[in-house]
Amino acid sequence: MRFYVIPLIGVLLFYLDSLLTRLSPLNLFNETFIIVPRLTFLYLLIIAVYKNPKVAIILAIVTGIFTDIYYGGIYGVYTFGYAIFVIMMDKLFKVFYRDILMMVILLISSVVLLEIWVMVFYGFLGIASINIGQIILFRLIPTVIFNLICLIIIFPFVLKLLERNTN
Protein backbone atom coordinates (compact mmCIF):
# COMPACT_ATOMS: atom_id res chain seq x y z
CA MET A 1 0.00 0.00 0.00
CA ARG A 2 2.76 2.45 0.85
CA PHE A 3 4.36 1.96 -2.57
CA TYR A 4 1.29 3.51 -4.21
CA VAL A 5 1.03 6.60 -2.01
CA ILE A 6 3.67 8.71 -3.77
CA PRO A 7 2.33 8.14 -7.33
CA LEU A 8 -1.27 8.46 -6.15
CA ILE A 9 -0.60 11.88 -4.61
CA GLY A 10 1.14 12.85 -7.86
CA VAL A 11 -1.91 11.85 -9.91
CA LEU A 12 -4.24 13.73 -7.57
CA LEU A 13 -2.10 16.86 -7.79
CA PHE A 14 -1.95 16.57 -11.59
CA TYR A 15 -5.74 16.46 -11.61
CA LEU A 16 -5.88 19.43 -9.23
CA ASP A 17 -3.48 21.29 -11.54
CA SER A 18 -5.82 20.73 -14.46
CA LEU A 19 -8.81 21.93 -12.40
CA LEU A 20 -7.00 25.05 -11.18
CA THR A 21 -5.84 25.83 -14.72
CA ARG A 22 -9.45 26.66 -15.51
CA LEU A 23 -9.07 29.78 -13.29
CA SER A 24 -6.80 31.24 -15.94
CA PRO A 25 -6.86 33.67 -17.63
CA LEU A 26 -8.02 35.96 -14.89
CA ASN A 27 -9.36 39.37 -15.87
CA LEU A 28 -8.74 42.08 -13.26
CA PHE A 29 -8.57 45.85 -13.69
CA ASN A 30 -9.08 45.50 -17.46
CA GLU A 31 -5.95 43.35 -17.69
CA THR A 32 -5.60 39.64 -18.38
CA PHE A 33 -3.40 37.67 -15.98
CA ILE A 34 -2.31 34.11 -16.69
CA ILE A 35 -1.98 31.82 -13.69
CA VAL A 36 -0.20 28.51 -14.15
CA PRO A 37 -0.56 26.08 -11.25
CA ARG A 38 2.56 23.95 -10.76
CA LEU A 39 1.45 21.71 -7.89
CA THR A 40 2.68 18.51 -9.53
CA PHE A 41 6.05 20.10 -10.23
CA LEU A 42 6.36 21.33 -6.64
CA TYR A 43 5.43 17.86 -5.40
CA LEU A 44 8.15 16.27 -7.52
CA LEU A 45 10.73 18.62 -6.04
CA ILE A 46 9.57 17.83 -2.51
CA ILE A 47 9.83 14.10 -3.23
CA ALA A 48 13.38 14.65 -4.52
CA VAL A 49 14.39 16.36 -1.28
CA TYR A 50 12.46 14.54 1.42
CA LYS A 51 11.97 11.03 0.03
CA ASN A 52 13.82 9.47 -2.86
CA PRO A 53 15.33 11.36 -5.81
CA LYS A 54 15.22 8.26 -8.03
CA VAL A 55 11.49 7.90 -7.49
CA ALA A 56 11.11 11.64 -8.11
CA ILE A 57 12.96 11.38 -11.45
CA ILE A 58 10.80 8.48 -12.61
CA LEU A 59 7.66 10.30 -11.53
CA ALA A 60 8.97 13.50 -13.18
CA ILE A 61 9.38 11.72 -16.51
CA VAL A 62 5.92 10.12 -16.30
CA THR A 63 4.11 13.27 -15.21
CA GLY A 64 6.17 15.32 -17.66
CA ILE A 65 4.95 13.11 -20.50
CA PHE A 66 1.36 13.50 -19.30
CA THR A 67 1.80 17.26 -18.99
CA ASP A 68 3.29 17.44 -22.49
CA ILE A 69 0.39 15.46 -23.91
CA TYR A 70 -2.32 17.28 -21.97
CA TYR A 71 -1.08 20.89 -22.10
CA GLY A 72 1.76 21.22 -24.54
CA GLY A 73 1.89 21.12 -28.26
CA ILE A 74 5.54 20.20 -28.20
CA TYR A 75 6.54 16.99 -26.53
CA GLY A 76 9.51 16.96 -24.23
CA VAL A 77 9.38 20.50 -22.85
CA TYR A 78 7.88 19.47 -19.53
CA THR A 79 9.38 15.97 -19.51
CA PHE A 80 12.94 17.26 -19.70
CA GLY A 81 12.18 20.35 -17.63
CA TYR A 82 10.72 18.34 -14.75
CA ALA A 83 13.58 15.83 -14.82
CA ILE A 84 16.27 18.52 -14.98
CA PHE A 85 14.78 20.49 -12.09
CA VAL A 86 14.33 17.37 -9.94
CA ILE A 87 18.01 16.53 -10.45
CA MET A 88 18.99 20.14 -9.68
CA MET A 89 16.88 20.16 -6.50
CA ASP A 90 18.47 16.93 -5.34
CA LYS A 91 21.95 18.36 -5.91
CA LEU A 92 21.12 21.69 -4.26
CA PHE A 93 19.87 20.07 -1.08
CA LYS A 94 23.07 18.14 -0.74
CA VAL A 95 24.64 21.59 -0.25
CA PHE A 96 21.89 23.50 1.60
CA TYR A 97 20.34 22.77 4.94
CA ARG A 98 16.79 21.41 4.69
CA ASP A 99 14.94 24.08 6.60
CA ILE A 100 11.47 25.13 5.53
CA LEU A 101 12.40 28.68 4.50
CA MET A 102 15.17 27.47 2.19
CA MET A 103 12.82 24.85 0.79
CA VAL A 104 10.12 27.44 0.00
CA ILE A 105 12.66 29.80 -1.59
CA LEU A 106 14.08 27.06 -3.79
CA LEU A 107 10.64 25.72 -4.72
CA ILE A 108 9.37 29.12 -5.81
CA SER A 109 12.66 29.84 -7.60
CA SER A 110 12.24 26.55 -9.44
CA VAL A 111 8.73 27.58 -10.54
CA VAL A 112 10.20 30.81 -11.92
CA LEU A 113 12.95 28.92 -13.73
CA LEU A 114 10.48 26.39 -15.15
CA GLU A 115 8.31 29.22 -16.49
CA ILE A 116 11.37 30.80 -18.08
CA TRP A 117 12.38 27.38 -19.50
CA VAL A 118 8.95 26.91 -21.10
CA MET A 119 8.71 30.45 -22.46
CA VAL A 120 12.23 30.42 -23.91
CA PHE A 121 11.61 27.03 -25.50
CA TYR A 122 8.30 28.16 -27.03
CA GLY A 123 9.83 31.48 -28.06
CA PHE A 124 12.78 29.75 -29.70
CA LEU A 125 10.39 27.64 -31.77
CA GLY A 126 8.27 30.66 -32.64
CA ILE A 127 5.16 29.37 -30.88
CA ALA A 128 4.98 32.19 -28.34
CA SER A 129 6.11 35.77 -28.65
CA ILE A 130 8.50 36.84 -25.96
CA ASN A 131 7.85 40.23 -24.44
CA ILE A 132 9.79 40.14 -21.19
CA GLY A 133 7.80 42.90 -19.48
CA GLN A 134 4.43 41.35 -20.27
CA ILE A 135 5.59 37.85 -19.32
CA ILE A 136 6.88 39.04 -15.96
CA LEU A 137 3.89 41.22 -15.13
CA PHE A 138 1.01 39.19 -16.53
CA ARG A 139 2.24 35.59 -16.21
CA LEU A 140 5.26 35.15 -13.95
CA ILE A 141 4.22 37.26 -10.95
CA PRO A 142 0.64 35.89 -10.79
CA THR A 143 1.96 32.34 -11.21
CA VAL A 144 4.49 32.78 -8.41
CA ILE A 145 1.92 34.30 -6.04
CA PHE A 146 -0.63 31.58 -6.79
CA ASN A 147 1.88 28.75 -6.36
CA LEU A 148 3.20 30.25 -3.13
CA ILE A 149 -0.33 30.38 -1.72
CA CYS A 150 -0.95 26.78 -2.82
CA LEU A 151 2.37 25.73 -1.34
CA ILE A 152 1.46 27.24 2.00
CA ILE A 153 -2.04 25.73 2.02
CA ILE A 154 -1.68 22.29 0.42
CA PHE A 155 1.82 21.00 1.03
CA PRO A 156 1.85 20.75 4.82
CA PHE A 157 -0.93 18.20 4.38
CA VAL A 158 1.00 16.42 1.64
CA LEU A 159 4.14 16.24 3.78
CA LYS A 160 2.19 14.79 6.71
CA LEU A 161 0.54 12.25 4.42
CA LEU A 162 3.92 11.27 2.99
CA GLU A 163 5.46 10.90 6.44
CA ARG A 164 2.60 8.81 7.70
CA ASN A 165 2.40 6.47 4.72
CA THR A 166 5.93 6.08 3.40
CA ASN A 167 8.12 5.57 6.47
C-alpha atoms as a PDB file:
ATOM      1  CA  MET A   1       0.000   0.000   0.000  1.00  0.00           C
ATOM      2  CA  ARG A   2       2.760   2.454   0.847  1.00  0.00           C
ATOM      3  CA  PHE A   3       4.356   1.957  -2.570  1.00  0.00           C
ATOM      4  CA  TYR A   4       1.290   3.511  -4.213  1.00  0.00           C
ATOM      5  CA  VAL A   5       1.030   6.597  -2.008  1.00  0.00           C
ATOM      6  CA  ILE A   6       3.675   8.706  -3.773  1.00  0.00           C
ATOM      7  CA  PRO A   7       2.330   8.140  -7.328  1.00  0.00           C
ATOM      8  CA  LEU A   8      -1.271   8.462  -6.147  1.00  0.00           C
ATOM      9  CA  ILE A   9      -0.596  11.877  -4.611  1.00  0.00           C
ATOM     10  CA  GLY A  10       1.141  12.854  -7.863  1.00  0.00           C
ATOM     11  CA  VAL A  11      -1.906  11.846  -9.909  1.00  0.00           C
ATOM     12  CA  LEU A  12      -4.244  13.733  -7.575  1.00  0.00           C
ATOM     13  CA  LEU A  13      -2.100  16.863  -7.789  1.00  0.00           C
ATOM     14  CA  PHE A  14      -1.951  16.570 -11.586  1.00  0.00           C
ATOM     15  CA  TYR A  15      -5.737  16.459 -11.614  1.00  0.00           C
ATOM     16  CA  LEU A  16      -5.879  19.432  -9.228  1.00  0.00           C
ATOM     17  CA  ASP A  17      -3.477  21.293 -11.539  1.00  0.00           C
ATOM     18  CA  SER A  18      -5.820  20.726 -14.456  1.00  0.00           C
ATOM     19  CA  LEU A  19      -8.809  21.934 -12.396  1.00  0.00           C
ATOM     20  CA  LEU A  20      -6.996  25.050 -11.185  1.00  0.00           C
ATOM     21  CA  THR A  21      -5.837  25.831 -14.719  1.00  0.00           C
ATOM     22  CA  ARG A  22      -9.446  26.663 -15.506  1.00  0.00           C
ATOM     23  CA  LEU A  23      -9.065  29.776 -13.294  1.00  0.00           C
ATOM     24  CA  SER A  24      -6.804  31.238 -15.941  1.00  0.00           C
ATOM     25  CA  PRO A  25      -6.858  33.674 -17.634  1.00  0.00           C
ATOM     26  CA  LEU A  26      -8.017  35.963 -14.889  1.00  0.00           C
ATOM     27  CA  ASN A  27      -9.359  39.374 -15.871  1.00  0.00           C
ATOM     28  CA  LEU A  28      -8.739  42.078 -13.264  1.00  0.00           C
ATOM     29  CA  PHE A  29      -8.568  45.846 -13.687  1.00  0.00           C
ATOM     30  CA  ASN A  30      -9.077  45.501 -17.460  1.00  0.00           C
ATOM     31  CA  GLU A  31      -5.952  43.353 -17.692  1.00  0.00           C
ATOM     32  CA  THR A  32      -5.598  39.637 -18.380  1.00  0.00           C
ATOM     33  CA  PHE A  33      -3.403  37.674 -15.984  1.00  0.00           C
ATOM     34  CA  ILE A  34      -2.310  34.108 -16.687  1.00  0.00           C
ATOM     35  CA  ILE A  35      -1.982  31.817 -13.687  1.00  0.00           C
ATOM     36  CA  VAL A  36      -0.199  28.511 -14.152  1.00  0.00           C
ATOM     37  CA  PRO A  37      -0.563  26.076 -11.252  1.00  0.00           C
ATOM     38  CA  ARG A  38       2.559  23.954 -10.757  1.00  0.00           C
ATOM     39  CA  LEU A  39       1.451  21.705  -7.886  1.00  0.00           C
ATOM     40  CA  THR A  40       2.678  18.507  -9.535  1.00  0.00           C
ATOM     41  CA  PHE A  41       6.049  20.100 -10.225  1.00  0.00           C
ATOM     42  CA  LEU A  42       6.363  21.330  -6.639  1.00  0.00           C
ATOM     43  CA  TYR A  43       5.432  17.860  -5.397  1.00  0.00           C
ATOM     44  CA  LEU A  44       8.146  16.265  -7.523  1.00  0.00           C
ATOM     45  CA  LEU A  45      10.731  18.622  -6.040  1.00  0.00           C
ATOM     46  CA  ILE A  46       9.570  17.831  -2.511  1.00  0.00           C
ATOM     47  CA  ILE A  47       9.827  14.099  -3.235  1.00  0.00           C
ATOM     48  CA  ALA A  48      13.383  14.654  -4.521  1.00  0.00           C
ATOM     49  CA  VAL A  49      14.390  16.364  -1.281  1.00  0.00           C
ATOM     50  CA  TYR A  50      12.464  14.535   1.418  1.00  0.00           C
ATOM     51  CA  LYS A  51      11.966  11.033   0.033  1.00  0.00           C
ATOM     52  CA  ASN A  52      13.822   9.473  -2.862  1.00  0.00           C
ATOM     53  CA  PRO A  53      15.331  11.360  -5.812  1.00  0.00           C
ATOM     54  CA  LYS A  54      15.223   8.258  -8.026  1.00  0.00           C
ATOM     55  CA  VAL A  55      11.485   7.901  -7.490  1.00  0.00           C
ATOM     56  CA  ALA A  56      11.106  11.644  -8.114  1.00  0.00           C
ATOM     57  CA  ILE A  57      12.957  11.378 -11.449  1.00  0.00           C
ATOM     58  CA  ILE A  58      10.796   8.477 -12.606  1.00  0.00           C
ATOM     59  CA  LEU A  59       7.660  10.305 -11.535  1.00  0.00           C
ATOM     60  CA  ALA A  60       8.968  13.497 -13.184  1.00  0.00           C
ATOM     61  CA  ILE A  61       9.378  11.718 -16.507  1.00  0.00           C
ATOM     62  CA  VAL A  62       5.922  10.122 -16.303  1.00  0.00           C
ATOM     63  CA  THR A  63       4.106  13.274 -15.211  1.00  0.00           C
ATOM     64  CA  GLY A  64       6.173  15.318 -17.664  1.00  0.00           C
ATOM     65  CA  ILE A  65       4.947  13.115 -20.502  1.00  0.00           C
ATOM     66  CA  PHE A  66       1.362  13.500 -19.301  1.00  0.00           C
ATOM     67  CA  THR A  67       1.796  17.261 -18.995  1.00  0.00           C
ATOM     68  CA  ASP A  68       3.286  17.439 -22.490  1.00  0.00           C
ATOM     69  CA  ILE A  69       0.387  15.456 -23.907  1.00  0.00           C
ATOM     70  CA  TYR A  70      -2.321  17.283 -21.965  1.00  0.00           C
ATOM     71  CA  TYR A  71      -1.083  20.893 -22.100  1.00  0.00           C
ATOM     72  CA  GLY A  72       1.759  21.218 -24.542  1.00  0.00           C
ATOM     73  CA  GLY A  73       1.892  21.123 -28.264  1.00  0.00           C
ATOM     74  CA  ILE A  74       5.541  20.204 -28.197  1.00  0.00           C
ATOM     75  CA  TYR A  75       6.537  16.992 -26.534  1.00  0.00           C
ATOM     76  CA  GLY A  76       9.509  16.958 -24.234  1.00  0.00           C
ATOM     77  CA  VAL A  77       9.381  20.502 -22.850  1.00  0.00           C
ATOM     78  CA  TYR A  78       7.882  19.466 -19.531  1.00  0.00           C
ATOM     79  CA  THR A  79       9.381  15.973 -19.506  1.00  0.00           C
ATOM     80  CA  PHE A  80      12.941  17.258 -19.701  1.00  0.00           C
ATOM     81  CA  GLY A  81      12.176  20.345 -17.630  1.00  0.00           C
ATOM     82  CA  TYR A  82      10.719  18.344 -14.751  1.00  0.00           C
ATOM     83  CA  ALA A  83      13.581  15.829 -14.824  1.00  0.00           C
ATOM     84  CA  ILE A  84      16.269  18.519 -14.976  1.00  0.00           C
ATOM     85  CA  PHE A  85      14.775  20.492 -12.087  1.00  0.00           C
ATOM     86  CA  VAL A  86      14.329  17.367  -9.937  1.00  0.00           C
ATOM     87  CA  ILE A  87      18.008  16.534 -10.450  1.00  0.00           C
ATOM     88  CA  MET A  88      18.985  20.138  -9.682  1.00  0.00           C
ATOM     89  CA  MET A  89      16.880  20.162  -6.503  1.00  0.00           C
ATOM     90  CA  ASP A  90      18.468  16.926  -5.342  1.00  0.00           C
ATOM     91  CA  LYS A  91      21.954  18.360  -5.915  1.00  0.00           C
ATOM     92  CA  LEU A  92      21.117  21.694  -4.257  1.00  0.00           C
ATOM     93  CA  PHE A  93      19.868  20.070  -1.079  1.00  0.00           C
ATOM     94  CA  LYS A  94      23.068  18.138  -0.737  1.00  0.00           C
ATOM     95  CA  VAL A  95      24.639  21.591  -0.254  1.00  0.00           C
ATOM     96  CA  PHE A  96      21.892  23.503   1.595  1.00  0.00           C
ATOM     97  CA  TYR A  97      20.344  22.772   4.943  1.00  0.00           C
ATOM     98  CA  ARG A  98      16.791  21.409   4.690  1.00  0.00           C
ATOM     99  CA  ASP A  99      14.942  24.079   6.603  1.00  0.00           C
ATOM    100  CA  ILE A 100      11.472  25.127   5.534  1.00  0.00           C
ATOM    101  CA  LEU A 101      12.404  28.677   4.501  1.00  0.00           C
ATOM    102  CA  MET A 102      15.173  27.472   2.192  1.00  0.00           C
ATOM    103  CA  MET A 103      12.820  24.848   0.791  1.00  0.00           C
ATOM    104  CA  VAL A 104      10.117  27.437  -0.005  1.00  0.00           C
ATOM    105  CA  ILE A 105      12.656  29.798  -1.588  1.00  0.00           C
ATOM    106  CA  LEU A 106      14.084  27.060  -3.795  1.00  0.00           C
ATOM    107  CA  LEU A 107      10.639  25.718  -4.721  1.00  0.00           C
ATOM    108  CA  ILE A 108       9.375  29.122  -5.813  1.00  0.00           C
ATOM    109  CA  SER A 109      12.663  29.840  -7.604  1.00  0.00           C
ATOM    110  CA  SER A 110      12.238  26.550  -9.441  1.00  0.00           C
ATOM    111  CA  VAL A 111       8.731  27.576 -10.540  1.00  0.00           C
ATOM    112  CA  VAL A 112      10.196  30.807 -11.923  1.00  0.00           C
ATOM    113  CA  LEU A 113      12.953  28.920 -13.734  1.00  0.00           C
ATOM    114  CA  LEU A 114      10.482  26.394 -15.152  1.00  0.00           C
ATOM    115  CA  GLU A 115       8.308  29.217 -16.486  1.00  0.00           C
ATOM    116  CA  ILE A 116      11.374  30.800 -18.079  1.00  0.00           C
ATOM    117  CA  TRP A 117      12.384  27.385 -19.504  1.00  0.00           C
ATOM    118  CA  VAL A 118       8.955  26.907 -21.102  1.00  0.00           C
ATOM    119  CA  MET A 119       8.706  30.450 -22.459  1.00  0.00           C
ATOM    120  CA  VAL A 120      12.227  30.417 -23.911  1.00  0.00           C
ATOM    121  CA  PHE A 121      11.608  27.026 -25.499  1.00  0.00           C
ATOM    122  CA  TYR A 122       8.301  28.156 -27.033  1.00  0.00           C
ATOM    123  CA  GLY A 123       9.829  31.482 -28.055  1.00  0.00           C
ATOM    124  CA  PHE A 124      12.778  29.752 -29.704  1.00  0.00           C
ATOM    125  CA  LEU A 125      10.386  27.644 -31.775  1.00  0.00           C
ATOM    126  CA  GLY A 126       8.269  30.663 -32.641  1.00  0.00           C
ATOM    127  CA  ILE A 127       5.155  29.370 -30.883  1.00  0.00           C
ATOM    128  CA  ALA A 128       4.981  32.194 -28.344  1.00  0.00           C
ATOM    129  CA  SER A 129       6.112  35.771 -28.654  1.00  0.00           C
ATOM    130  CA  ILE A 130       8.496  36.844 -25.964  1.00  0.00           C
ATOM    131  CA  ASN A 131       7.852  40.231 -24.444  1.00  0.00           C
ATOM    132  CA  ILE A 132       9.786  40.142 -21.189  1.00  0.00           C
ATOM    133  CA  GLY A 133       7.801  42.896 -19.475  1.00  0.00           C
ATOM    134  CA  GLN A 134       4.434  41.347 -20.267  1.00  0.00           C
ATOM    135  CA  ILE A 135       5.590  37.848 -19.324  1.00  0.00           C
ATOM    136  CA  ILE A 136       6.880  39.039 -15.956  1.00  0.00           C
ATOM    137  CA  LEU A 137       3.888  41.216 -15.132  1.00  0.00           C
ATOM    138  CA  PHE A 138       1.013  39.186 -16.529  1.00  0.00           C
ATOM    139  CA  ARG A 139       2.242  35.594 -16.207  1.00  0.00           C
ATOM    140  CA  LEU A 140       5.264  35.155 -13.952  1.00  0.00           C
ATOM    141  CA  ILE A 141       4.225  37.261 -10.950  1.00  0.00           C
ATOM    142  CA  PRO A 142       0.642  35.888 -10.787  1.00  0.00           C
ATOM    143  CA  THR A 143       1.964  32.343 -11.206  1.00  0.00           C
ATOM    144  CA  VAL A 144       4.493  32.778  -8.406  1.00  0.00           C
ATOM    145  CA  ILE A 145       1.922  34.305  -6.041  1.00  0.00           C
ATOM    146  CA  PHE A 146      -0.634  31.584  -6.790  1.00  0.00           C
ATOM    147  CA  ASN A 147       1.878  28.747  -6.359  1.00  0.00           C
ATOM    148  CA  LEU A 148       3.202  30.250  -3.132  1.00  0.00           C
ATOM    149  CA  ILE A 149      -0.332  30.378  -1.723  1.00  0.00           C
ATOM    150  CA  CYS A 150      -0.953  26.784  -2.824  1.00  0.00           C
ATOM    151  CA  LEU A 151       2.375  25.728  -1.343  1.00  0.00           C
ATOM    152  CA  ILE A 152       1.457  27.242   2.004  1.00  0.00           C
ATOM    153  CA  ILE A 153      -2.043  25.728   2.020  1.00  0.00           C
ATOM    154  CA  ILE A 154      -1.678  22.292   0.424  1.00  0.00           C
ATOM    155  CA  PHE A 155       1.817  21.004   1.028  1.00  0.00           C
ATOM    156  CA  PRO A 156       1.853  20.748   4.823  1.00  0.00           C
ATOM    157  CA  PHE A 157      -0.930  18.205   4.381  1.00  0.00           C
ATOM    158  CA  VAL A 158       0.998  16.420   1.639  1.00  0.00           C
ATOM    159  CA  LEU A 159       4.136  16.244   3.785  1.00  0.00           C
ATOM    160  CA  LYS A 160       2.190  14.787   6.710  1.00  0.00           C
ATOM    161  CA  LEU A 161       0.543  12.255   4.419  1.00  0.00           C
ATOM    162  CA  LEU A 162       3.918  11.273   2.985  1.00  0.00           C
ATOM    163  CA  GLU A 163       5.463  10.904   6.438  1.00  0.00           C
ATOM    164  CA  ARG A 164       2.599   8.807   7.701  1.00  0.00           C
ATOM    165  CA  ASN A 165       2.400   6.468   4.720  1.00  0.00           C
ATOM    166  CA  THR A 166       5.934   6.080   3.396  1.00  0.00           C
ATOM    167  CA  ASN A 167       8.124   5.565   6.469  1.00  0.00           C
END
